[in-house]
Structures are given as C-alpha cells and as structure tokens.
Amino acid sequence: MKFIYKGYCVLIVFGFSLLISCGSSKTKATPEQLNQLAELVNDKHFEIVSDRAYPQVTSGMASLQNSGILPQGSTINQINLIGNVNYLRIVGDSIYAELPYFGERRMNAGYNGSDTSINMETMLQNYSVEENSKDHSYIISFDAKTQTELLWFTITIFPNLNTSILLNSSTRTPIRYSGVVSTR
C-alpha cells in the first residue's frame, strides 16, 4: 500500500513501513542565479575544478579494478579527484587545463611518460555557446590542439554552478569530469 503524507510517500509492505520522498528534488533557479550564470558564460573568464572523473570502462581499465592503484573511494568507472590538483580555465580565447587522465592511449604516446595527463595552455578553436531553455544550462563546445593531439570539449554548466566536462581526444579514450565552476 502507498499513502502520501506531507509530500512523502509511505509504503507499507507486509506490516513494515518505509518513508520515502515522492516529490522532485529540483529547485528552480532564481533570476539572480540565471543572470550570474549568463554573465559568467558570456565573459569567457571562469575556472572549473572537478571532483570526479568518469573514464570509459575498457578491458584495460577493468584489469585495474583489483590492482589497488586507484585512489581511495574510486572504482574503474568513477575516480575520486578530491585532493588532486586539477582545473580547466577559460580566459578570453585561451584555455589552460591540468586534468588527470584515466583511460587508454590509442597511439602517439610519449616514451618518457611526461604526457599522461591533459596539460595545456593554448588557443580555443570553434568556440560555441548554446543555452538549454528547459533547464537554463549552458553548453559550451570548443576544440584545442596540443603538440601531440586534438581535443574536443563539451562543457555543460548548470544554474547551481555544477559542471560536466566531456572530453574526446584523437589519441585517448573519452572521459567525463564533474565539478564546480567559479569566476576567475
């Protein structure tokens, strides 16, 4: 049986009751938050610090599951980045990034192991911004080029300033990061 009491659902199963929330946890963004977000995106002057990385699970990544080399609180499909230095900065037409990378290199990797993370200071290419009218998020897309690879970024910034970075590369398997944006 299910009863609704003050916005909560009460399920009664075989004499036991369980209280769960039936309502949505979504809250509407205030006009001030929406204006702040629009200004942040339009100024092209912000920094994202990620707290989680979501690598693509491959057989190579699966072999690491029981190795003990993943950070505390991590699995092969969700890596805890708290305490690791990482950022993605957009400053005008430039990108500055230092993002840890978890995944597989497909080719063109350096022999000295110096290019294991995403580390760059370069110009943005093909920069575009699109506003999602349903949830008032912004989707920012651009390309960047380093000495050894091409990178395609898709960043989603939500009104609560949470972010999602999707990174595709010419030499690596895709990876996604979640974090928070702030002004620089």
C-alpha atoms as a PDB file:
ATOM      1  CA  MET A   1       0.000   0.000   0.000  1.00  0.00           C
ATOM      2  CA  LYS A   2       1.134   3.537  -0.658  1.00  0.00           C
ATOM      3  CA  PHE A   3      -0.051   6.638   1.188  1.00  0.00           C
ATOM      4  CA  ILE A   4       1.077  10.228   0.712  1.00  0.00           C
ATOM      5  CA  TYR A   5       1.695  12.207   3.886  1.00  0.00           C
ATOM      6  CA  LYS A   6       3.045  15.800   3.766  1.00  0.00           C
ATOM      7  CA  GLY A   7       4.845  15.302   0.454  1.00  0.00           C
ATOM      8  CA  TYR A   8       6.310  11.928   1.422  1.00  0.00           C
ATOM      9  CA  CYS A   9       5.250   8.506   0.266  1.00  0.00           C
ATOM     10  CA  VAL A  10       4.694   5.913   2.937  1.00  0.00           C
ATOM     11  CA  LEU A  11       4.970   2.385   1.646  1.00  0.00           C
ATOM     12  CA  ILE A  12       3.579  -0.395   3.791  1.00  0.00           C
ATOM     13  CA  VAL A  13       4.888  -3.787   2.787  1.00  0.00           C
ATOM     14  CA  PHE A  14       4.000  -6.857   4.863  1.00  0.00           C
ATOM     15  CA  GLY A  15       3.485  -4.812   8.027  1.00  0.00           C
ATOM     16  CA  PHE A  16       6.674  -2.757   7.669  1.00  0.00           C
ATOM     17  CA  SER A  17       6.524   0.898   6.744  1.00  0.00           C
ATOM     18  CA  LEU A  18       9.070   2.761   4.707  1.00  0.00           C
ATOM     19  CA  LEU A  19       9.160   6.538   4.330  1.00  0.00           C
ATOM     20  CA  ILE A  20      10.499   7.859   1.048  1.00  0.00           C
ATOM     21  CA  SER A  21      10.209  11.120  -0.838  1.00  0.00           C
ATOM     22  CA  CYS A  22       7.748  11.208  -3.735  1.00  0.00           C
ATOM     23  CA  GLY A  23       8.418  14.753  -4.844  1.00  0.00           C
ATOM     24  CA  SER A  24      11.056  16.092  -7.109  1.00  0.00           C
ATOM     25  CA  SER A  25      14.210  17.472  -5.547  1.00  0.00           C
ATOM     26  CA  LYS A  26      14.645  20.001  -8.349  1.00  0.00           C
ATOM     27  CA  THR A  27      14.579  23.602  -7.275  1.00  0.00           C
ATOM     28  CA  LYS A  28      14.046  26.474  -9.645  1.00  0.00           C
ATOM     29  CA  ALA A  29      16.913  28.820 -10.227  1.00  0.00           C
ATOM     30  CA  THR A  30      16.346  32.395  -9.160  1.00  0.00           C
ATOM     31  CA  PRO A  31      16.617  35.213 -11.710  1.00  0.00           C
ATOM     32  CA  GLU A  32      19.800  36.347  -9.939  1.00  0.00           C
ATOM     33  CA  GLN A  33      21.376  32.909 -10.379  1.00  0.00           C
ATOM     34  CA  LEU A  34      20.418  32.844 -14.057  1.00  0.00           C
ATOM     35  CA  ASN A  35      21.881  36.331 -14.612  1.00  0.00           C
ATOM     36  CA  GLN A  36      25.085  35.357 -12.784  1.00  0.00           C
ATOM     37  CA  LEU A  37      25.400  32.238 -14.937  1.00  0.00           C
ATOM     38  CA  ALA A  38      24.785  34.140 -18.188  1.00  0.00           C
ATOM     39  CA  GLU A  39      27.388  36.743 -17.213  1.00  0.00           C
ATOM     40  CA  LEU A  40      29.919  34.057 -16.282  1.00  0.00           C
ATOM     41  CA  VAL A  41      29.497  32.282 -19.638  1.00  0.00           C
ATOM     42  CA  ASN A  42      29.442  35.449 -21.744  1.00  0.00           C
ATOM     43  CA  ASP A  43      32.579  36.894 -20.096  1.00  0.00           C
ATOM     44  CA  LYS A  44      34.598  33.775 -21.045  1.00  0.00           C
ATOM     45  CA  HIS A  45      36.541  34.124 -17.807  1.00  0.00           C
ATOM     46  CA  PHE A  46      35.959  31.164 -15.477  1.00  0.00           C
ATOM     47  CA  GLU A  47      37.567  28.129 -13.838  1.00  0.00           C
ATOM     48  CA  ILE A  48      36.212  24.624 -13.325  1.00  0.00           C
ATOM     49  CA  VAL A  49      37.601  22.362 -10.604  1.00  0.00           C
ATOM     50  CA  SER A  50      36.473  18.740 -10.898  1.00  0.00           C
ATOM     51  CA  ASP A  51      35.793  16.348  -8.047  1.00  0.00           C
ATOM     52  CA  ARG A  52      35.083  13.198 -10.103  1.00  0.00           C
ATOM     53  CA  ALA A  53      36.358  11.666 -13.329  1.00  0.00           C
ATOM     54  CA  TYR A  54      34.321   9.107 -15.242  1.00  0.00           C
ATOM     55  CA  PRO A  55      36.601   7.163 -17.614  1.00  0.00           C
ATOM     56  CA  GLN A  56      35.258   4.874 -20.293  1.00  0.00           C
ATOM     57  CA  VAL A  57      35.354   1.319 -18.971  1.00  0.00           C
ATOM     58  CA  THR A  58      37.517  -0.828 -21.205  1.00  0.00           C
ATOM     59  CA  SER A  59      39.155  -4.199 -20.664  1.00  0.00           C
ATOM     60  CA  GLY A  60      42.385  -2.385 -19.785  1.00  0.00           C
ATOM     61  CA  MET A  61      40.619  -0.306 -17.135  1.00  0.00           C
ATOM     62  CA  ALA A  62      38.799  -3.378 -15.825  1.00  0.00           C
ATOM     63  CA  SER A  63      42.149  -5.047 -15.179  1.00  0.00           C
ATOM     64  CA  LEU A  64      42.944  -2.223 -12.731  1.00  0.00           C
ATOM     65  CA  GLN A  65      39.892  -2.909 -10.535  1.00  0.00           C
ATOM     66  CA  ASN A  66      41.720  -5.161  -8.089  1.00  0.00           C
ATOM     67  CA  SER A  67      45.206  -3.675  -8.501  1.00  0.00           C
ATOM     68  CA  GLY A  68      44.940  -1.245  -5.590  1.00  0.00           C
ATOM     69  CA  ILE A  69      46.336   1.697  -7.558  1.00  0.00           C
ATOM     70  CA  LEU A  70      43.058   3.605  -7.860  1.00  0.00           C
ATOM     71  CA  PRO A  71      42.582   6.497  -5.400  1.00  0.00           C
ATOM     72  CA  GLN A  72      40.603   5.895  -2.194  1.00  0.00           C
ATOM     73  CA  GLY A  73      36.844   5.905  -2.831  1.00  0.00           C
ATOM     74  CA  SER A  74      37.217   5.136  -6.534  1.00  0.00           C
ATOM     75  CA  THR A  75      36.069   2.440  -8.929  1.00  0.00           C
ATOM     76  CA  ILE A  76      37.083   1.884 -12.540  1.00  0.00           C
ATOM     77  CA  ASN A  77      34.165   3.991 -13.790  1.00  0.00           C
ATOM     78  CA  GLN A  78      34.275   6.753 -11.136  1.00  0.00           C
ATOM     79  CA  ILE A  79      37.568   8.227  -9.921  1.00  0.00           C
ATOM     80  CA  ASN A  80      37.681  10.480  -6.848  1.00  0.00           C
ATOM     81  CA  LEU A  81      39.668  13.649  -7.681  1.00  0.00           C
ATOM     82  CA  ILE A  82      39.278  15.392  -4.326  1.00  0.00           C
ATOM     83  CA  GLY A  83      42.739  16.420  -3.174  1.00  0.00           C
ATOM     84  CA  ASN A  84      44.223  16.241  -6.694  1.00  0.00           C
ATOM     85  CA  VAL A  85      45.203  19.475  -8.397  1.00  0.00           C
ATOM     86  CA  ASN A  86      43.009  19.897 -11.457  1.00  0.00           C
ATOM     87  CA  TYR A  87      41.438  22.779 -13.302  1.00  0.00           C
ATOM     88  CA  LEU A  88      40.126  23.956 -16.638  1.00  0.00           C
ATOM     89  CA  ARG A  89      40.312  27.714 -17.144  1.00  0.00           C
ATOM     90  CA  ILE A  90      38.809  29.722 -19.947  1.00  0.00           C
ATOM     91  CA  VAL A  91      40.336  33.192 -20.179  1.00  0.00           C
ATOM     92  CA  GLY A  92      39.128  35.026 -23.255  1.00  0.00           C
ATOM     93  CA  ASP A  93      40.190  32.976 -26.271  1.00  0.00           C
ATOM     94  CA  SER A  94      42.630  30.766 -24.334  1.00  0.00           C
ATOM     95  CA  ILE A  95      42.320  27.529 -22.407  1.00  0.00           C
ATOM     96  CA  TYR A  96      44.530  26.488 -19.518  1.00  0.00           C
ATOM     97  CA  ALA A  97      43.984  22.961 -18.263  1.00  0.00           C
ATOM     98  CA  GLU A  98      45.531  20.427 -15.964  1.00  0.00           C
ATOM     99  CA  LEU A  99      43.260  17.402 -15.774  1.00  0.00           C
ATOM    100  CA  PRO A 100      44.281  13.937 -14.584  1.00  0.00           C
ATOM    101  CA  TYR A 101      43.553  11.329 -17.221  1.00  0.00           C
ATOM    102  CA  PHE A 102      42.349   7.784 -16.590  1.00  0.00           C
ATOM    103  CA  GLY A 103      41.871   5.624 -19.636  1.00  0.00           C
ATOM    104  CA  GLU A 104      43.731   4.211 -22.595  1.00  0.00           C
ATOM    105  CA  ARG A 105      46.041   5.912 -25.057  1.00  0.00           C
ATOM    106  CA  ARG A 106      45.427   4.639 -28.547  1.00  0.00           C
ATOM    107  CA  MET A 107      48.609   5.936 -30.175  1.00  0.00           C
ATOM    108  CA  ASN A 108      51.168   8.717 -30.208  1.00  0.00           C
ATOM    109  CA  ALA A 109      52.096   8.468 -26.518  1.00  0.00           C
ATOM    110  CA  GLY A 110      55.452   9.796 -25.393  1.00  0.00           C
ATOM    111  CA  TYR A 111      58.075   7.295 -24.257  1.00  0.00           C
ATOM    112  CA  ASN A 112      59.119   9.282 -21.215  1.00  0.00           C
ATOM    113  CA  GLY A 113      55.645   9.270 -19.645  1.00  0.00           C
ATOM    114  CA  SER A 114      55.502  13.052 -19.498  1.00  0.00           C
ATOM    115  CA  ASP A 115      52.141  13.438 -21.246  1.00  0.00           C
ATOM    116  CA  THR A 116      49.890  11.192 -19.177  1.00  0.00           C
ATOM    117  CA  SER A 117      47.558  13.973 -18.005  1.00  0.00           C
ATOM    118  CA  ILE A 118      45.734  16.624 -20.012  1.00  0.00           C
ATOM    119  CA  ASN A 119      48.035  19.599 -19.567  1.00  0.00           C
ATOM    120  CA  MET A 120      47.721  22.558 -21.926  1.00  0.00           C
ATOM    121  CA  GLU A 121      47.932  26.274 -22.496  1.00  0.00           C
ATOM    122  CA  THR A 122      46.571  27.007 -25.951  1.00  0.00           C
ATOM    123  CA  MET A 123      44.025  28.932 -28.004  1.00  0.00           C
ATOM    124  CA  LEU A 124      40.387  27.887 -28.274  1.00  0.00           C
ATOM    125  CA  GLN A 125      39.099  26.903 -31.691  1.00  0.00           C
ATOM    126  CA  ASN A 126      35.496  26.640 -32.911  1.00  0.00           C
ATOM    127  CA  TYR A 127      34.119  28.037 -29.641  1.00  0.00           C
ATOM    128  CA  SER A 128      30.310  27.999 -29.398  1.00  0.00           C
ATOM    129  CA  VAL A 129      27.755  28.518 -26.626  1.00  0.00           C
ATOM    130  CA  GLU A 130      24.181  27.256 -26.587  1.00  0.00           C
ATOM    131  CA  GLU A 131      21.590  27.829 -23.863  1.00  0.00           C
ATOM    132  CA  ASN A 132      19.242  24.973 -22.981  1.00  0.00           C
ATOM    133  CA  SER A 133      15.895  26.665 -22.389  1.00  0.00           C
ATOM    134  CA  LYS A 134      14.448  23.695 -20.454  1.00  0.00           C
ATOM    135  CA  ASP A 135      16.922  23.657 -17.562  1.00  0.00           C
ATOM    136  CA  HIS A 136      18.699  27.002 -18.215  1.00  0.00           C
ATOM    137  CA  SER A 137      22.066  25.285 -18.547  1.00  0.00           C
ATOM    138  CA  TYR A 138      24.744  26.365 -21.000  1.00  0.00           C
ATOM    139  CA  ILE A 139      26.525  24.006 -23.353  1.00  0.00           C
ATOM    140  CA  ILE A 140      29.968  25.242 -24.389  1.00  0.00           C
ATOM    141  CA  SER A 141      31.819  23.431 -27.158  1.00  0.00           C
ATOM    142  CA  PHE A 142      35.311  24.043 -28.482  1.00  0.00           C
ATOM    143  CA  ASP A 143      38.423  22.366 -29.847  1.00  0.00           C
ATOM    144  CA  ALA A 144      42.009  22.650 -28.673  1.00  0.00           C
ATOM    145  CA  LYS A 145      45.268  21.394 -30.075  1.00  0.00           C
ATOM    146  CA  THR A 146      48.451  20.366 -28.282  1.00  0.00           C
ATOM    147  CA  GLN A 147      51.722  19.211 -29.811  1.00  0.00           C
ATOM    148  CA  THR A 148      50.561  15.587 -29.883  1.00  0.00           C
ATOM    149  CA  GLU A 149      46.761  15.532 -30.068  1.00  0.00           C
ATOM    150  CA  LEU A 150      43.482  17.203 -30.911  1.00  0.00           C
ATOM    151  CA  LEU A 151      40.928  17.607 -28.107  1.00  0.00           C
ATOM    152  CA  TRP A 152      37.178  18.255 -28.354  1.00  0.00           C
ATOM    153  CA  PHE A 153      35.486  19.648 -25.240  1.00  0.00           C
ATOM    154  CA  THR A 154      31.793  19.858 -24.397  1.00  0.00           C
ATOM    155  CA  ILE A 155      31.144  21.645 -21.107  1.00  0.00           C
ATOM    156  CA  THR A 156      27.696  21.880 -19.535  1.00  0.00           C
ATOM    157  CA  ILE A 157      27.256  24.487 -16.804  1.00  0.00           C
ATOM    158  CA  PHE A 158      24.075  24.289 -14.735  1.00  0.00           C
ATOM    159  CA  PRO A 159      22.405  27.174 -12.810  1.00  0.00           C
ATOM    160  CA  ASN A 160      23.647  25.733  -9.488  1.00  0.00           C
ATOM    161  CA  LEU A 161      27.198  26.105 -10.969  1.00  0.00           C
ATOM    162  CA  ASN A 162      27.783  22.352 -11.196  1.00  0.00           C
ATOM    163  CA  THR A 163      29.547  21.292 -14.374  1.00  0.00           C
ATOM    164  CA  SER A 164      30.064  18.343 -16.656  1.00  0.00           C
ATOM    165  CA  ILE A 165      33.071  18.220 -18.987  1.00  0.00           C
ATOM    166  CA  LEU A 166      33.061  15.669 -21.789  1.00  0.00           C
ATOM    167  CA  LEU A 167      36.496  15.279 -23.374  1.00  0.00           C
ATOM    168  CA  ASN A 168      37.195  13.449 -26.607  1.00  0.00           C
ATOM    169  CA  SER A 169      40.702  13.107 -27.967  1.00  0.00           C
ATOM    170  CA  SER A 170      42.409  11.994 -31.136  1.00  0.00           C
ATOM    171  CA  THR A 171      44.662   9.654 -29.123  1.00  0.00           C
ATOM    172  CA  ARG A 172      42.773   8.705 -25.942  1.00  0.00           C
ATOM    173  CA  THR A 173      39.501   7.067 -24.956  1.00  0.00           C
ATOM    174  CA  PRO A 174      36.778   9.566 -23.920  1.00  0.00           C
ATOM    175  CA  ILE A 175      36.448  10.731 -20.323  1.00  0.00           C
ATOM    176  CA  ARG A 176      33.942  12.874 -18.427  1.00  0.00           C
ATOM    177  CA  TYR A 177      34.552  15.095 -15.389  1.00  0.00           C
ATOM    178  CA  SER A 178      32.075  16.596 -12.919  1.00  0.00           C
ATOM    179  CA  GLY A 179      32.828  19.632 -10.803  1.00  0.00           C
ATOM    180  CA  VAL A 180      32.015  23.236  -9.972  1.00  0.00           C
ATOM    181  CA  VAL A 181      32.609  26.470 -11.892  1.00  0.00           C
ATOM    182  CA  SER A 182      33.694  29.769 -10.395  1.00  0.00           C
ATOM    183  CA  THR A 183      34.797  33.153 -11.695  1.00  0.00           C
ATOM    184  CA  ARG A 184      38.497  33.805 -12.058  1.00  0.00           C
END
